[in-house]
């Protein structure tokens, strides 16, 4: 019987990304009453991190019927989360500089 290829997200990295996703999602939900756009944006970042763990772990790929060796879907979700983080920072810095002028 061939040994199954393990994903990098099956170990410590998966725990870190899951924790980051849960933290961002919780902060986003807590921010919803103050600013719905900000809350949804941050919750979407967390949801993308959680989705990357779901499709990037061996357990998640088995459950979803995905290719056991593929991690490209997980990388796509992480890339989307990073793009959301960068655009969030750019938009907030730009809006802060407009207010201070």
N, C-alpha and C. Protein backbone atom coordinates (compact mmCIF):
# COMPACT_ATOMS: atom_id res chain seq x y z
N UNK A 1 0.84 -1.17 0.00
CA UNK A 1 0.00 0.00 0.00
C UNK A 1 0.89 1.24 0.00
N UNK A 2 0.63 2.16 -0.88
CA UNK A 2 1.43 3.37 -0.99
C UNK A 2 1.05 4.35 0.12
N UNK A 3 2.06 5.05 0.62
CA UNK A 3 1.77 6.02 1.67
C UNK A 3 1.17 7.27 1.03
N UNK A 4 0.21 7.83 1.73
CA UNK A 4 -0.49 8.99 1.21
C UNK A 4 0.36 10.24 1.43
N UNK A 5 0.38 11.10 0.43
CA UNK A 5 1.14 12.34 0.52
C UNK A 5 0.44 13.28 1.49
N UNK A 6 1.19 13.80 2.46
CA UNK A 6 0.63 14.71 3.45
C UNK A 6 0.74 16.15 2.97
N UNK A 7 -0.24 16.93 3.33
CA UNK A 7 -0.26 18.33 2.97
C UNK A 7 0.54 19.15 3.98
N UNK A 8 1.13 20.26 3.54
CA UNK A 8 1.81 21.13 4.51
C UNK A 8 0.84 21.71 5.55
N UNK A 9 -0.44 21.78 5.21
CA UNK A 9 -1.43 22.33 6.14
C UNK A 9 -1.93 21.30 7.14
N UNK A 10 -1.43 20.07 7.07
CA UNK A 10 -1.84 19.05 8.03
C UNK A 10 -1.17 19.24 9.39
N UNK A 11 -0.13 20.02 9.46
CA UNK A 11 0.63 20.18 10.70
C UNK A 11 0.42 21.54 11.34
N UNK A 12 1.52 22.10 11.80
CA UNK A 12 1.51 23.36 12.52
C UNK A 12 0.99 24.51 11.67
N UNK A 13 1.32 24.53 10.39
CA UNK A 13 0.87 25.61 9.50
C UNK A 13 -0.65 25.63 9.41
N UNK A 14 -1.27 24.47 9.40
CA UNK A 14 -2.72 24.40 9.38
C UNK A 14 -3.34 24.98 10.63
N UNK A 15 -2.71 24.73 11.77
CA UNK A 15 -3.21 25.28 13.03
C UNK A 15 -3.10 26.80 13.03
N UNK A 16 -1.99 27.31 12.52
CA UNK A 16 -1.78 28.76 12.47
C UNK A 16 -2.79 29.42 11.53
N UNK A 17 -2.96 28.85 10.35
CA UNK A 17 -3.89 29.43 9.36
C UNK A 17 -5.33 29.33 9.86
N UNK A 18 -5.68 28.22 10.51
CA UNK A 18 -7.02 28.08 11.07
C UNK A 18 -7.26 29.11 12.16
N UNK A 19 -6.29 29.28 13.04
CA UNK A 19 -6.42 30.28 14.11
C UNK A 19 -6.56 31.68 13.54
N UNK A 20 -5.77 31.99 12.53
CA UNK A 20 -5.86 33.30 11.89
C UNK A 20 -7.23 33.49 11.24
N UNK A 21 -7.72 32.45 10.59
CA UNK A 21 -9.04 32.53 9.97
C UNK A 21 -10.15 32.72 10.97
N UNK A 22 -10.11 31.97 12.07
CA UNK A 22 -11.13 32.12 13.11
C UNK A 22 -11.06 33.50 13.75
N UNK A 23 -9.84 33.99 14.00
CA UNK A 23 -9.67 35.31 14.59
C UNK A 23 -10.23 36.40 13.68
N UNK A 24 -9.86 36.36 12.41
CA UNK A 24 -10.33 37.39 11.46
C UNK A 24 -11.85 37.33 11.30
N UNK A 25 -12.39 36.14 11.23
CA UNK A 25 -13.85 36.01 11.09
C UNK A 25 -14.55 36.56 12.32
N UNK A 26 -14.04 36.24 13.50
CA UNK A 26 -14.66 36.74 14.73
C UNK A 26 -14.58 38.26 14.83
N UNK A 27 -13.43 38.83 14.49
CA UNK A 27 -13.28 40.29 14.52
C UNK A 27 -14.23 40.93 13.50
N UNK A 28 -14.34 40.33 12.33
CA UNK A 28 -15.25 40.85 11.32
C UNK A 28 -16.70 40.85 11.78
N UNK A 29 -17.10 39.77 12.43
CA UNK A 29 -18.48 39.69 12.95
C UNK A 29 -18.69 40.72 14.06
N UNK A 30 -17.69 40.91 14.90
CA UNK A 30 -17.81 41.90 15.97
C UNK A 30 -17.87 43.33 15.43
N UNK A 31 -17.25 43.58 14.28
CA UNK A 31 -17.26 44.92 13.69
C UNK A 31 -18.51 45.22 12.88
N UNK A 32 -19.33 44.23 12.61
CA UNK A 32 -20.52 44.45 11.78
C UNK A 32 -21.44 45.57 12.29
N UNK A 33 -21.71 45.67 13.60
CA UNK A 33 -22.59 46.76 14.04
C UNK A 33 -22.02 48.17 13.80
N UNK A 34 -20.70 48.32 13.87
CA UNK A 34 -20.10 49.64 13.67
C UNK A 34 -19.99 50.00 12.19
N UNK A 35 -19.53 49.05 11.38
CA UNK A 35 -19.36 49.30 9.96
C UNK A 35 -19.55 47.99 9.22
N UNK A 36 -20.63 47.89 8.50
CA UNK A 36 -20.93 46.62 7.84
C UNK A 36 -19.91 46.29 6.76
N UNK A 37 -19.42 47.28 6.02
CA UNK A 37 -18.44 47.01 4.97
C UNK A 37 -17.12 46.51 5.57
N UNK A 38 -16.66 47.17 6.61
CA UNK A 38 -15.42 46.76 7.27
C UNK A 38 -15.57 45.37 7.87
N UNK A 39 -16.68 45.12 8.54
CA UNK A 39 -16.91 43.82 9.14
C UNK A 39 -16.97 42.71 8.11
N UNK A 40 -17.68 42.94 7.01
CA UNK A 40 -17.76 41.92 5.96
C UNK A 40 -16.41 41.70 5.30
N UNK A 41 -15.65 42.77 5.12
CA UNK A 41 -14.34 42.67 4.48
C UNK A 41 -13.41 41.81 5.33
N UNK A 42 -13.35 42.08 6.63
CA UNK A 42 -12.47 41.33 7.51
C UNK A 42 -12.98 39.89 7.68
N UNK A 43 -14.29 39.71 7.75
CA UNK A 43 -14.83 38.35 7.83
C UNK A 43 -14.53 37.56 6.56
N UNK A 44 -14.52 38.23 5.41
CA UNK A 44 -14.17 37.56 4.16
C UNK A 44 -12.71 37.12 4.15
N UNK A 45 -11.85 37.91 4.75
CA UNK A 45 -10.44 37.51 4.88
C UNK A 45 -10.34 36.23 5.70
N UNK A 46 -11.02 36.22 6.83
CA UNK A 46 -11.01 35.02 7.68
C UNK A 46 -11.63 33.82 6.99
N UNK A 47 -12.71 34.03 6.26
CA UNK A 47 -13.36 32.93 5.56
C UNK A 47 -12.44 32.33 4.49
N UNK A 48 -11.66 33.17 3.84
CA UNK A 48 -10.72 32.66 2.84
C UNK A 48 -9.60 31.85 3.48
N UNK A 49 -9.12 32.28 4.63
CA UNK A 49 -8.12 31.48 5.34
C UNK A 49 -8.70 30.14 5.77
N UNK A 50 -9.94 30.15 6.27
CA UNK A 50 -10.57 28.89 6.68
C UNK A 50 -10.83 27.98 5.47
N UNK A 51 -11.22 28.56 4.35
CA UNK A 51 -11.44 27.76 3.14
C UNK A 51 -10.13 27.16 2.64
N UNK A 52 -9.04 27.90 2.79
CA UNK A 52 -7.75 27.35 2.35
C UNK A 52 -7.35 26.15 3.18
N UNK A 53 -7.65 26.18 4.47
CA UNK A 53 -7.36 25.02 5.32
C UNK A 53 -8.27 23.86 4.95
N UNK A 54 -9.53 24.16 4.67
CA UNK A 54 -10.47 23.10 4.33
C UNK A 54 -10.06 22.36 3.07
N UNK A 55 -9.66 23.09 2.04
CA UNK A 55 -9.28 22.42 0.79
C UNK A 55 -7.81 22.05 0.75
N UNK A 56 -7.04 22.48 1.76
CA UNK A 56 -5.62 22.20 1.76
C UNK A 56 -5.20 21.04 2.65
N UNK A 57 -6.06 20.60 3.54
CA UNK A 57 -5.71 19.49 4.42
C UNK A 57 -6.12 18.17 3.79
N UNK A 58 -5.47 17.12 4.22
CA UNK A 58 -5.80 15.79 3.71
C UNK A 58 -7.24 15.43 4.06
N UNK A 59 -7.65 15.74 5.28
CA UNK A 59 -9.02 15.45 5.71
C UNK A 59 -10.04 16.19 4.83
N UNK A 60 -9.82 17.48 4.60
CA UNK A 60 -10.75 18.27 3.80
C UNK A 60 -10.81 17.82 2.36
N UNK A 61 -9.67 17.48 1.80
CA UNK A 61 -9.66 17.01 0.40
C UNK A 61 -10.38 15.69 0.27
N UNK A 62 -10.23 14.82 1.27
CA UNK A 62 -10.98 13.55 1.22
C UNK A 62 -12.47 13.80 1.31
N UNK A 63 -12.89 14.67 2.21
CA UNK A 63 -14.31 14.98 2.39
C UNK A 63 -14.93 15.61 1.16
N UNK A 64 -14.18 16.48 0.49
CA UNK A 64 -14.71 17.18 -0.67
C UNK A 64 -14.49 16.44 -1.98
N UNK A 65 -13.77 15.33 -1.92
CA UNK A 65 -13.52 14.55 -3.12
C UNK A 65 -12.51 15.18 -4.05
N UNK A 66 -11.56 15.93 -3.49
CA UNK A 66 -10.54 16.59 -4.30
C UNK A 66 -9.33 15.69 -4.45
N UNK A 67 -8.47 16.05 -5.39
CA UNK A 67 -7.22 15.33 -5.62
C UNK A 67 -6.38 15.34 -4.35
N UNK A 68 -5.95 14.17 -3.87
CA UNK A 68 -5.22 14.12 -2.60
C UNK A 68 -3.89 14.86 -2.61
N UNK A 69 -3.28 15.05 -3.75
CA UNK A 69 -1.98 15.71 -3.79
C UNK A 69 -2.03 17.18 -4.12
N UNK A 70 -3.19 17.68 -4.48
CA UNK A 70 -3.28 19.07 -4.94
C UNK A 70 -3.41 20.07 -3.82
N UNK A 71 -2.61 21.10 -3.87
CA UNK A 71 -2.72 22.19 -2.91
C UNK A 71 -2.95 23.53 -3.61
N UNK A 72 -3.19 23.50 -4.90
CA UNK A 72 -3.34 24.76 -5.64
C UNK A 72 -4.60 25.52 -5.21
N UNK A 73 -5.67 24.81 -4.87
CA UNK A 73 -6.89 25.49 -4.42
C UNK A 73 -6.65 26.22 -3.11
N UNK A 74 -5.88 25.60 -2.22
CA UNK A 74 -5.55 26.25 -0.95
C UNK A 74 -4.73 27.51 -1.19
N UNK A 75 -3.81 27.45 -2.13
CA UNK A 75 -3.00 28.63 -2.44
C UNK A 75 -3.84 29.75 -3.03
N UNK A 76 -4.85 29.39 -3.81
CA UNK A 76 -5.74 30.41 -4.39
C UNK A 76 -6.49 31.14 -3.28
N UNK A 77 -7.00 30.39 -2.30
CA UNK A 77 -7.72 31.03 -1.19
C UNK A 77 -6.79 31.91 -0.35
N UNK A 78 -5.57 31.47 -0.13
CA UNK A 78 -4.61 32.29 0.61
C UNK A 78 -4.28 33.55 -0.20
N UNK A 79 -4.12 33.42 -1.50
CA UNK A 79 -3.83 34.58 -2.35
C UNK A 79 -4.99 35.58 -2.31
N UNK A 80 -6.21 35.09 -2.34
CA UNK A 80 -7.38 35.98 -2.25
C UNK A 80 -7.38 36.71 -0.91
N UNK A 81 -7.07 35.99 0.17
CA UNK A 81 -7.02 36.61 1.49
C UNK A 81 -5.95 37.69 1.54
N UNK A 82 -4.79 37.42 0.96
CA UNK A 82 -3.71 38.41 0.95
C UNK A 82 -4.11 39.64 0.13
N UNK A 83 -4.76 39.43 -1.00
CA UNK A 83 -5.22 40.56 -1.82
C UNK A 83 -6.24 41.38 -1.03
N UNK A 84 -7.14 40.73 -0.31
CA UNK A 84 -8.12 41.44 0.50
C UNK A 84 -7.45 42.24 1.61
N UNK A 85 -6.41 41.67 2.22
CA UNK A 85 -5.69 42.38 3.27
C UNK A 85 -5.00 43.63 2.70
N UNK A 86 -4.32 43.45 1.58
CA UNK A 86 -3.60 44.58 0.97
C UNK A 86 -4.57 45.67 0.54
N UNK A 87 -5.66 45.31 -0.10
CA UNK A 87 -6.62 46.33 -0.52
C UNK A 87 -7.28 47.01 0.68
N UNK A 88 -7.51 46.26 1.74
CA UNK A 88 -8.07 46.85 2.96
C UNK A 88 -7.13 47.92 3.51
N UNK A 89 -5.85 47.60 3.56
CA UNK A 89 -4.86 48.56 4.07
C UNK A 89 -4.77 49.77 3.15
N UNK A 90 -4.72 49.54 1.84
CA UNK A 90 -4.61 50.65 0.88
C UNK A 90 -5.82 51.57 0.97
N UNK A 91 -7.01 50.99 1.04
CA UNK A 91 -8.23 51.80 1.11
C UNK A 91 -8.26 52.60 2.41
N UNK A 92 -7.87 51.98 3.51
CA UNK A 92 -7.92 52.70 4.79
C UNK A 92 -6.85 53.77 4.88
N UNK A 93 -5.66 53.53 4.34
CA UNK A 93 -4.62 54.56 4.34
C UNK A 93 -5.04 55.71 3.43
N UNK A 94 -5.60 55.41 2.29
CA UNK A 94 -6.05 56.46 1.37
C UNK A 94 -7.17 57.28 1.98
N UNK A 95 -8.12 56.62 2.64
CA UNK A 95 -9.22 57.37 3.23
C UNK A 95 -8.75 58.18 4.44
N UNK A 96 -7.77 57.69 5.18
CA UNK A 96 -7.23 58.44 6.31
C UNK A 96 -6.47 59.67 5.84
N UNK A 97 -5.76 59.54 4.74
CA UNK A 97 -5.02 60.69 4.22
C UNK A 97 -5.96 61.72 3.62
N UNK A 98 -7.10 61.30 3.10
CA UNK A 98 -8.08 62.24 2.56
C UNK A 98 -8.75 63.00 3.71
N UNK A 99 -8.95 62.35 4.83
CA UNK A 99 -9.59 63.01 5.96
C UNK A 99 -8.64 64.03 6.59
N UNK A 100 -7.36 63.72 6.65
CA UNK A 100 -6.41 64.61 7.29
C UNK A 100 -6.07 65.84 6.45
N UNK A 101 -6.37 65.80 5.15
CA UNK A 101 -6.06 66.97 4.28
C UNK A 101 -7.06 68.07 4.44
